[in-house]
Amino acid sequence: MVTIITHQGRQLEIIFQSELCDPLNMGEYVRAYCHLHGSDHQRSLSINKLTGWGHCFNATCDATVLVAEWNPLAAERLLHAHYRGAMPLTPSSYPSEQQHPPYVSPAVLPHPARTSPSSSGTN
């Protein structure tokens, strides 16, 4: 997990999928116990599976998270800016009402079966 403070003062937590505590698939969203405030009785962390952005609905936590594997472009952009010492100039790297279409990983296709060269033909 990496904590990032944007140039607008927003705190974002970039997390890995493996950090989700007992995630539960709820259609477009995944609900999980919030490991940021130590929730163990209610899945207050809700994350959009298409965008990777999520929010903890516990009033004392109110965290904004990004699951890096679910939106690698936004995660890379935020991490690069964070470690470079400057946040992005545009607000396109964090959730907004006018968001670009979400990044979706391309399907993984199996390699075609290897065939041996045909014995008919030239020798």
C-alpha atoms as a PDB file:
ATOM      1  CA  MET A   1       0.000   0.000   0.000  1.00  0.00           C
ATOM      2  CA  VAL A   2       1.197   3.470  -0.892  1.00  0.00           C
ATOM      3  CA  THR A   3      -0.376   6.641   0.496  1.00  0.00           C
ATOM      4  CA  ILE A   4      -0.432   9.557  -1.912  1.00  0.00           C
ATOM      5  CA  ILE A   5      -1.486  13.133  -1.224  1.00  0.00           C
ATOM      6  CA  THR A   6      -2.597  14.913  -4.391  1.00  0.00           C
ATOM      7  CA  HIS A   7      -1.805  18.547  -5.134  1.00  0.00           C
ATOM      8  CA  GLN A   8      -5.411  19.253  -4.092  1.00  0.00           C
ATOM      9  CA  GLY A   9      -4.804  17.681  -0.667  1.00  0.00           C
ATOM     10  CA  ARG A  10      -6.761  14.468  -1.296  1.00  0.00           C
ATOM     11  CA  GLN A  11      -5.353  11.344   0.306  1.00  0.00           C
ATOM     12  CA  LEU A  12      -5.396   8.227  -1.882  1.00  0.00           C
ATOM     13  CA  GLU A  13      -4.338   4.722  -0.978  1.00  0.00           C
ATOM     14  CA  ILE A  14      -2.952   2.608  -3.805  1.00  0.00           C
ATOM     15  CA  ILE A  15      -3.411  -1.002  -2.785  1.00  0.00           C
ATOM     16  CA  PHE A  16      -2.853  -4.417  -4.300  1.00  0.00           C
ATOM     17  CA  GLN A  17      -5.638  -6.904  -4.846  1.00  0.00           C
ATOM     18  CA  SER A  18      -3.936  -9.241  -2.367  1.00  0.00           C
ATOM     19  CA  GLU A  19      -4.470  -6.608   0.369  1.00  0.00           C
ATOM     20  CA  LEU A  20      -8.264  -6.850   0.115  1.00  0.00           C
ATOM     21  CA  CYS A  21      -9.659  -8.475   3.258  1.00  0.00           C
ATOM     22  CA  ASP A  22     -12.182 -11.209   2.448  1.00  0.00           C
ATOM     23  CA  PRO A  23     -13.511  -9.593  -0.764  1.00  0.00           C
ATOM     24  CA  LEU A  24     -17.045 -10.404  -1.881  1.00  0.00           C
ATOM     25  CA  ASN A  25     -18.173 -10.034  -5.513  1.00  0.00           C
ATOM     26  CA  MET A  26     -21.287  -7.830  -5.694  1.00  0.00           C
ATOM     27  CA  GLY A  27     -21.818  -7.409  -9.458  1.00  0.00           C
ATOM     28  CA  GLU A  28     -20.030  -4.266 -10.642  1.00  0.00           C
ATOM     29  CA  TYR A  29     -18.439  -3.820  -7.225  1.00  0.00           C
ATOM     30  CA  VAL A  30     -16.334  -5.783  -4.781  1.00  0.00           C
ATOM     31  CA  ARG A  31     -17.026  -5.286  -1.083  1.00  0.00           C
ATOM     32  CA  ALA A  32     -14.266  -5.955   1.447  1.00  0.00           C
ATOM     33  CA  TYR A  33     -13.395  -5.322   5.070  1.00  0.00           C
ATOM     34  CA  CYS A  34     -11.410  -2.094   5.204  1.00  0.00           C
ATOM     35  CA  HIS A  35      -7.882  -2.877   6.300  1.00  0.00           C
ATOM     36  CA  LEU A  36      -7.157   0.843   6.628  1.00  0.00           C
ATOM     37  CA  HIS A  37      -9.313   1.349   9.708  1.00  0.00           C
ATOM     38  CA  GLY A  38      -9.323  -2.297  10.795  1.00  0.00           C
ATOM     39  CA  SER A  39     -12.912  -3.197   9.980  1.00  0.00           C
ATOM     40  CA  ASP A  40     -13.713  -6.777  10.924  1.00  0.00           C
ATOM     41  CA  HIS A  41     -17.505  -6.843  11.169  1.00  0.00           C
ATOM     42  CA  GLN A  42     -18.775  -5.011   8.053  1.00  0.00           C
ATOM     43  CA  ARG A  43     -17.518  -4.821   4.469  1.00  0.00           C
ATOM     44  CA  SER A  44     -17.394  -1.030   4.302  1.00  0.00           C
ATOM     45  CA  LEU A  45     -14.877  -0.832   1.447  1.00  0.00           C
ATOM     46  CA  SER A  46     -16.611  -0.779  -1.948  1.00  0.00           C
ATOM     47  CA  ILE A  47     -14.496  -0.937  -5.127  1.00  0.00           C
ATOM     48  CA  ASN A  48     -15.648  -0.622  -8.722  1.00  0.00           C
ATOM     49  CA  LYS A  49     -14.243  -3.605 -10.616  1.00  0.00           C
ATOM     50  CA  LEU A  50     -13.992  -1.746 -13.937  1.00  0.00           C
ATOM     51  CA  THR A  51     -12.208   1.378 -12.715  1.00  0.00           C
ATOM     52  CA  GLY A  52     -10.340   0.032  -9.674  1.00  0.00           C
ATOM     53  CA  TRP A  53     -11.444   3.051  -7.602  1.00  0.00           C
ATOM     54  CA  GLY A  54     -13.090   2.478  -4.251  1.00  0.00           C
ATOM     55  CA  HIS A  55     -14.307   4.166  -1.123  1.00  0.00           C
ATOM     56  CA  CYS A  56     -14.698   3.195   2.518  1.00  0.00           C
ATOM     57  CA  PHE A  57     -18.127   4.127   3.771  1.00  0.00           C
ATOM     58  CA  ASN A  58     -17.126   4.107   7.440  1.00  0.00           C
ATOM     59  CA  ALA A  59     -17.555   7.724   8.592  1.00  0.00           C
ATOM     60  CA  THR A  60     -14.326   7.718  10.607  1.00  0.00           C
ATOM     61  CA  CYS A  61     -12.269   6.302   7.726  1.00  0.00           C
ATOM     62  CA  ASP A  62     -13.693   7.750   4.489  1.00  0.00           C
ATOM     63  CA  ALA A  63     -10.700   6.378   2.538  1.00  0.00           C
ATOM     64  CA  THR A  64     -10.335   6.547  -1.244  1.00  0.00           C
ATOM     65  CA  VAL A  65      -8.475   3.576  -2.695  1.00  0.00           C
ATOM     66  CA  LEU A  66      -7.205   2.425  -6.057  1.00  0.00           C
ATOM     67  CA  VAL A  67      -6.538  -1.269  -6.683  1.00  0.00           C
ATOM     68  CA  ALA A  68      -3.369  -1.119  -8.789  1.00  0.00           C
ATOM     69  CA  GLU A  69      -4.013  -4.299 -10.791  1.00  0.00           C
ATOM     70  CA  TRP A  70      -7.519  -3.163 -11.781  1.00  0.00           C
ATOM     71  CA  ASN A  71      -6.393   0.207 -13.161  1.00  0.00           C
ATOM     72  CA  PRO A  72      -2.664  -0.055 -13.864  1.00  0.00           C
ATOM     73  CA  LEU A  73      -2.522   3.109 -15.984  1.00  0.00           C
ATOM     74  CA  ALA A  74      -3.883   5.348 -13.210  1.00  0.00           C
ATOM     75  CA  ALA A  75      -1.752   3.584 -10.601  1.00  0.00           C
ATOM     76  CA  GLU A  76       1.388   4.006 -12.693  1.00  0.00           C
ATOM     77  CA  ARG A  77       0.638   7.676 -13.357  1.00  0.00           C
ATOM     78  CA  LEU A  78       0.021   8.401  -9.659  1.00  0.00           C
ATOM     79  CA  LEU A  79       3.056   6.454  -8.464  1.00  0.00           C
ATOM     80  CA  HIS A  80       5.320   8.035 -11.055  1.00  0.00           C
ATOM     81  CA  ALA A  81       4.181  11.522 -10.050  1.00  0.00           C
ATOM     82  CA  HIS A  82       4.473  10.658  -6.341  1.00  0.00           C
ATOM     83  CA  TYR A  83       8.028   9.374  -6.563  1.00  0.00           C
ATOM     84  CA  ARG A  84       9.016  12.159  -8.918  1.00  0.00           C
ATOM     85  CA  GLY A  85       7.850  14.611  -6.258  1.00  0.00           C
ATOM     86  CA  ALA A  86       5.031  16.266  -8.152  1.00  0.00           C
ATOM     87  CA  MET A  87       1.424  15.347  -8.682  1.00  0.00           C
ATOM     88  CA  PRO A  88      -0.162  15.356 -12.150  1.00  0.00           C
ATOM     89  CA  LEU A  89      -1.305  18.710 -13.473  1.00  0.00           C
ATOM     90  CA  THR A  90      -4.693  17.365 -14.539  1.00  0.00           C
ATOM     91  CA  PRO A  91      -7.268  15.757 -12.283  1.00  0.00           C
ATOM     92  CA  SER A  92      -7.779  12.848 -14.716  1.00  0.00           C
ATOM     93  CA  SER A  93      -5.839  10.432 -12.522  1.00  0.00           C
ATOM     94  CA  TYR A  94      -8.383  10.333  -9.709  1.00  0.00           C
ATOM     95  CA  PRO A  95     -12.120   9.616  -9.659  1.00  0.00           C
ATOM     96  CA  SER A  96     -14.460  12.218 -11.050  1.00  0.00           C
ATOM     97  CA  GLU A  97     -17.879  12.440 -12.597  1.00  0.00           C
ATOM     98  CA  GLN A  98     -16.341  12.823 -16.075  1.00  0.00           C
ATOM     99  CA  GLN A  99     -14.053   9.832 -16.225  1.00  0.00           C
ATOM    100  CA  HIS A 100     -12.512   8.255 -19.284  1.00  0.00           C
ATOM    101  CA  PRO A 101     -13.646   4.730 -20.163  1.00  0.00           C
ATOM    102  CA  PRO A 102     -12.074   2.292 -17.697  1.00  0.00           C
ATOM    103  CA  TYR A 103      -9.024   0.298 -18.605  1.00  0.00           C
ATOM    104  CA  VAL A 104      -9.909  -3.339 -19.061  1.00  0.00           C
ATOM    105  CA  SER A 105      -7.201  -5.965 -19.342  1.00  0.00           C
ATOM    106  CA  PRO A 106      -7.144  -7.697 -22.717  1.00  0.00           C
ATOM    107  CA  ALA A 107      -8.225 -11.315 -22.774  1.00  0.00           C
ATOM    108  CA  VAL A 108      -5.454 -13.853 -22.411  1.00  0.00           C
ATOM    109  CA  LEU A 109      -5.533 -16.294 -25.276  1.00  0.00           C
ATOM    110  CA  PRO A 110      -3.743 -19.646 -25.240  1.00  0.00           C
ATOM    111  CA  HIS A 111      -0.911 -20.209 -27.688  1.00  0.00           C
ATOM    112  CA  PRO A 112      -1.953 -22.217 -30.751  1.00  0.00           C
ATOM    113  CA  ALA A 113      -1.014 -25.867 -30.633  1.00  0.00           C
ATOM    114  CA  ARG A 114       2.322 -26.587 -32.238  1.00  0.00           C
ATOM    115  CA  THR A 115       2.119 -28.672 -35.348  1.00  0.00           C
ATOM    116  CA  SER A 116       4.957 -30.596 -36.866  1.00  0.00           C
ATOM    117  CA  PRO A 117       5.934 -29.776 -40.453  1.00  0.00           C
ATOM    118  CA  SER A 118       4.003 -31.800 -42.945  1.00  0.00           C
ATOM    119  CA  SER A 119       5.869 -34.831 -44.278  1.00  0.00           C
ATOM    120  CA  SER A 120       4.271 -34.352 -47.667  1.00  0.00           C
ATOM    121  CA  GLY A 121       6.129 -31.898 -49.833  1.00  0.00           C
ATOM    122  CA  THR A 122       9.833 -31.462 -50.503  1.00  0.00           C
ATOM    123  CA  ASN A 123      12.466 -33.651 -48.883  1.00  0.00           C
END
